[in-house]
Amino acid sequence: MRRSIIFFYFFLSINAILAQKVLKLDTPRNPSRMSFLIGSTITFQTEGDDKKNKIWTTRRITGFDLDRHQILFDDWAVTVEDISAVRKGNERRFIHKTGAALFTFGTGAAFFGMLGKLTPNCPNCNEAMVIGASSGVVGWLLTRISGFKTFKIDGKNNKLRLLDLTPKPEKPSDKV
């Protein structure tokens, strides 16, 4: 039983084990750097994008070309130097999920209170509208607070690097 559990955890972590080429985002005062592995999604903005219409591109990384400094996607490739900004989302955080649930509950409760105002005898319509509006606003604020974080790639503070972490065997030396 113990061997099967170890074998199961090995297969769960096989993606991290096989991903030896990594795109790292170095940020100041942050020892845990953000990394993008093969198969992960990245949201970025390139240098050629229009300055007025900030267009964000979200793609799944299929590979890295270390010789050309390119990130490979399904249909095209972009060089690392052309990326001007990277966005990291916090959709998996507890605060974001709680805010979305509160917003949904709040809009439902406010809608229930407004429909109850149309009926002649509704004893708790005002309370439902107040509770719905306040929980909807709190939920909306929580989703805005835990939203996306944008990193401007300037070369001084924030840098993107391609790393090759594959172990290379030592060449046998001719000197013996």
Protein backbone atom coordinates (compact mmCIF):
# COMPACT_ATOMS: atom_id res chain seq x y z
CA MET A 1 0.00 0.00 0.00
CA ARG A 2 2.80 2.40 0.87
CA ARG A 3 4.51 1.76 -2.46
CA SER A 4 1.33 2.44 -4.39
CA ILE A 5 0.89 5.78 -2.62
CA ILE A 6 4.47 6.78 -3.43
CA PHE A 7 3.95 5.66 -7.03
CA PHE A 8 0.70 7.69 -7.20
CA TYR A 9 2.39 10.86 -5.89
CA PHE A 10 5.21 10.35 -8.37
CA PHE A 11 2.75 10.42 -11.27
CA LEU A 12 1.04 13.50 -9.85
CA SER A 13 4.33 15.39 -9.86
CA ILE A 14 5.60 14.08 -13.20
CA ASN A 15 4.80 17.39 -14.94
CA ALA A 16 7.07 19.32 -12.60
CA ILE A 17 9.76 16.66 -12.87
CA LEU A 18 9.83 16.64 -16.66
CA ALA A 19 9.63 20.42 -17.04
CA GLN A 20 13.30 21.22 -17.19
CA LYS A 21 12.97 24.40 -19.24
CA VAL A 22 11.42 27.24 -17.29
CA LEU A 23 10.49 30.88 -17.91
CA LYS A 24 11.19 32.81 -14.68
CA LEU A 25 9.95 36.24 -13.69
CA ASP A 26 12.44 37.88 -11.34
CA THR A 27 10.93 40.56 -9.12
CA PRO A 28 12.65 42.64 -6.44
CA ARG A 29 12.01 41.86 -2.77
CA ASN A 30 10.34 38.59 -3.69
CA PRO A 31 12.38 35.47 -3.03
CA SER A 32 9.74 33.18 -4.50
CA ARG A 33 9.95 33.99 -8.17
CA MET A 34 7.09 33.30 -10.50
CA SER A 35 7.78 30.51 -12.97
CA PHE A 36 5.98 29.39 -16.11
CA LEU A 37 6.42 25.76 -17.08
CA ILE A 38 5.63 24.01 -20.35
CA GLY A 39 1.88 23.47 -20.41
CA SER A 40 1.01 26.46 -18.21
CA THR A 41 -0.81 29.54 -19.44
CA ILE A 42 0.71 33.00 -19.55
CA THR A 43 -1.00 36.35 -19.99
CA PHE A 44 1.29 38.96 -21.52
CA GLN A 45 1.55 42.13 -23.56
CA THR A 46 4.13 42.68 -26.31
CA GLU A 47 6.08 45.78 -27.28
CA GLY A 48 4.29 46.15 -30.60
CA ASP A 49 0.84 46.46 -29.03
CA ASP A 50 -0.96 49.75 -29.31
CA LYS A 51 -0.37 52.00 -26.30
CA LYS A 52 -3.97 53.20 -26.17
CA ASN A 53 -5.63 49.82 -26.59
CA LYS A 54 -3.79 47.59 -24.15
CA ILE A 55 -4.32 44.13 -25.62
CA TRP A 56 -3.53 41.19 -23.37
CA THR A 57 -2.79 37.81 -24.90
CA THR A 58 -3.38 34.58 -22.98
CA ARG A 59 -1.78 31.47 -24.45
CA ARG A 60 -0.72 28.00 -23.36
CA ILE A 61 3.04 27.44 -23.53
CA THR A 62 4.00 24.42 -25.65
CA GLY A 63 7.77 24.82 -25.48
CA PHE A 64 10.83 27.05 -25.30
CA ASP A 65 13.53 27.71 -27.90
CA LEU A 66 16.57 28.63 -25.86
CA ASP A 67 18.81 29.43 -28.84
CA ARG A 68 16.44 32.08 -30.19
CA HIS A 69 15.06 33.17 -26.77
CA GLN A 70 11.50 32.37 -27.84
CA ILE A 71 8.40 31.11 -26.12
CA LEU A 72 6.57 28.65 -28.37
CA PHE A 73 2.79 28.48 -28.52
CA ASP A 74 0.48 26.32 -30.64
CA ASP A 75 0.34 28.66 -33.61
CA TRP A 76 3.18 31.16 -33.15
CA ALA A 77 6.22 32.15 -31.12
CA VAL A 78 7.26 35.33 -29.33
CA THR A 79 10.71 36.38 -28.19
CA VAL A 80 11.23 37.06 -24.51
CA GLU A 81 12.61 40.55 -25.18
CA ASP A 82 9.38 41.60 -26.94
CA ILE A 83 7.23 41.02 -23.84
CA SER A 84 6.58 44.31 -22.05
CA ALA A 85 4.20 43.18 -19.28
CA VAL A 86 3.08 39.96 -17.61
CA ARG A 87 -0.16 39.55 -15.70
CA LYS A 88 -0.64 37.03 -12.94
CA GLY A 89 -4.17 36.23 -11.82
CA ASN A 90 -5.39 35.26 -8.38
CA GLU A 91 -8.50 33.33 -9.36
CA ARG A 92 -7.60 30.38 -7.14
CA ARG A 93 -7.37 32.34 -3.95
CA PHE A 94 -9.91 31.87 -1.20
CA ILE A 95 -10.69 35.60 -1.08
CA HIS A 96 -11.56 35.71 -4.78
CA LYS A 97 -13.89 32.70 -4.53
CA THR A 98 -15.55 34.08 -1.40
CA GLY A 99 -16.05 37.46 -3.09
CA ALA A 100 -17.64 35.85 -6.13
CA ALA A 101 -20.00 33.83 -3.91
CA LEU A 102 -20.96 36.91 -1.86
CA PHE A 103 -21.60 38.91 -5.04
CA THR A 104 -23.85 36.17 -6.43
CA PHE A 105 -25.74 35.86 -3.14
CA GLY A 106 -26.10 39.63 -2.84
CA THR A 107 -27.54 40.10 -6.30
CA GLY A 108 -29.98 37.24 -5.71
CA ALA A 109 -31.11 38.62 -2.35
CA ALA A 110 -31.51 42.14 -3.73
CA PHE A 111 -33.52 40.79 -6.66
CA PHE A 112 -35.72 38.82 -4.23
CA GLY A 113 -36.28 41.99 -2.17
CA MET A 114 -37.19 44.01 -5.25
CA LEU A 115 -39.67 41.36 -6.39
CA GLY A 116 -41.13 41.26 -2.89
CA LYS A 117 -41.75 45.01 -3.02
CA LEU A 118 -44.15 44.41 -5.90
CA THR A 119 -46.35 42.17 -3.75
CA PRO A 120 -48.68 43.85 -1.23
CA ASN A 121 -47.68 41.86 1.88
CA CYS A 122 -43.91 41.32 2.13
CA PRO A 123 -42.64 41.61 5.71
CA ASN A 124 -38.89 41.22 5.04
CA CYS A 125 -38.42 42.94 1.69
CA ASN A 126 -36.51 45.94 3.03
CA GLU A 127 -34.13 43.73 5.02
CA ALA A 128 -33.53 41.49 2.00
CA MET A 129 -32.70 44.50 -0.16
CA VAL A 130 -30.28 45.92 2.43
CA ILE A 131 -28.56 42.58 3.06
CA GLY A 132 -28.40 41.83 -0.66
CA ALA A 133 -26.97 45.21 -1.59
CA SER A 134 -24.37 45.20 1.18
CA SER A 135 -23.19 41.63 0.53
CA GLY A 136 -23.10 42.31 -3.20
CA VAL A 137 -20.90 45.37 -2.70
CA VAL A 138 -18.59 43.52 -0.29
CA GLY A 139 -18.31 40.61 -2.73
CA TRP A 140 -17.54 42.92 -5.62
CA LEU A 141 -14.83 44.69 -3.57
CA LEU A 142 -13.26 41.36 -2.58
CA THR A 143 -13.04 40.24 -6.20
CA ARG A 144 -11.46 43.57 -7.17
CA ILE A 145 -8.90 43.45 -4.35
CA SER A 146 -7.81 39.91 -5.18
CA GLY A 147 -7.70 40.50 -8.92
CA PHE A 148 -4.78 40.52 -11.29
CA LYS A 149 -1.29 41.76 -10.58
CA THR A 150 0.59 43.31 -13.51
CA PHE A 151 4.38 43.19 -13.76
CA LYS A 152 5.98 45.68 -16.18
CA ILE A 153 9.10 44.14 -17.69
CA ASP A 154 11.67 46.91 -17.66
CA GLY A 155 14.95 45.04 -17.29
CA LYS A 156 15.85 46.78 -14.03
CA ASN A 157 13.26 45.66 -11.50
CA ASN A 158 11.32 42.93 -13.27
CA LYS A 159 13.12 40.57 -15.65
CA LEU A 160 12.09 37.55 -17.68
CA ARG A 161 14.65 34.76 -18.03
CA LEU A 162 14.64 31.45 -19.84
CA LEU A 163 16.38 28.73 -17.85
CA ASP A 164 17.48 25.27 -18.90
CA LEU A 165 17.66 23.03 -15.84
CA THR A 166 18.38 19.74 -17.59
CA PRO A 167 21.27 17.90 -16.00
CA LYS A 168 24.15 17.58 -18.44
CA PRO A 169 26.64 14.79 -17.96
CA GLU A 170 30.21 15.82 -17.53
CA LYS A 171 32.44 15.25 -20.48
CA PRO A 172 35.22 12.79 -19.80
CA SER A 173 38.48 14.57 -19.65
CA ASP A 174 41.40 13.40 -21.76
CA LYS A 175 43.80 14.07 -18.93
CA VAL A 176 44.33 11.05 -16.77
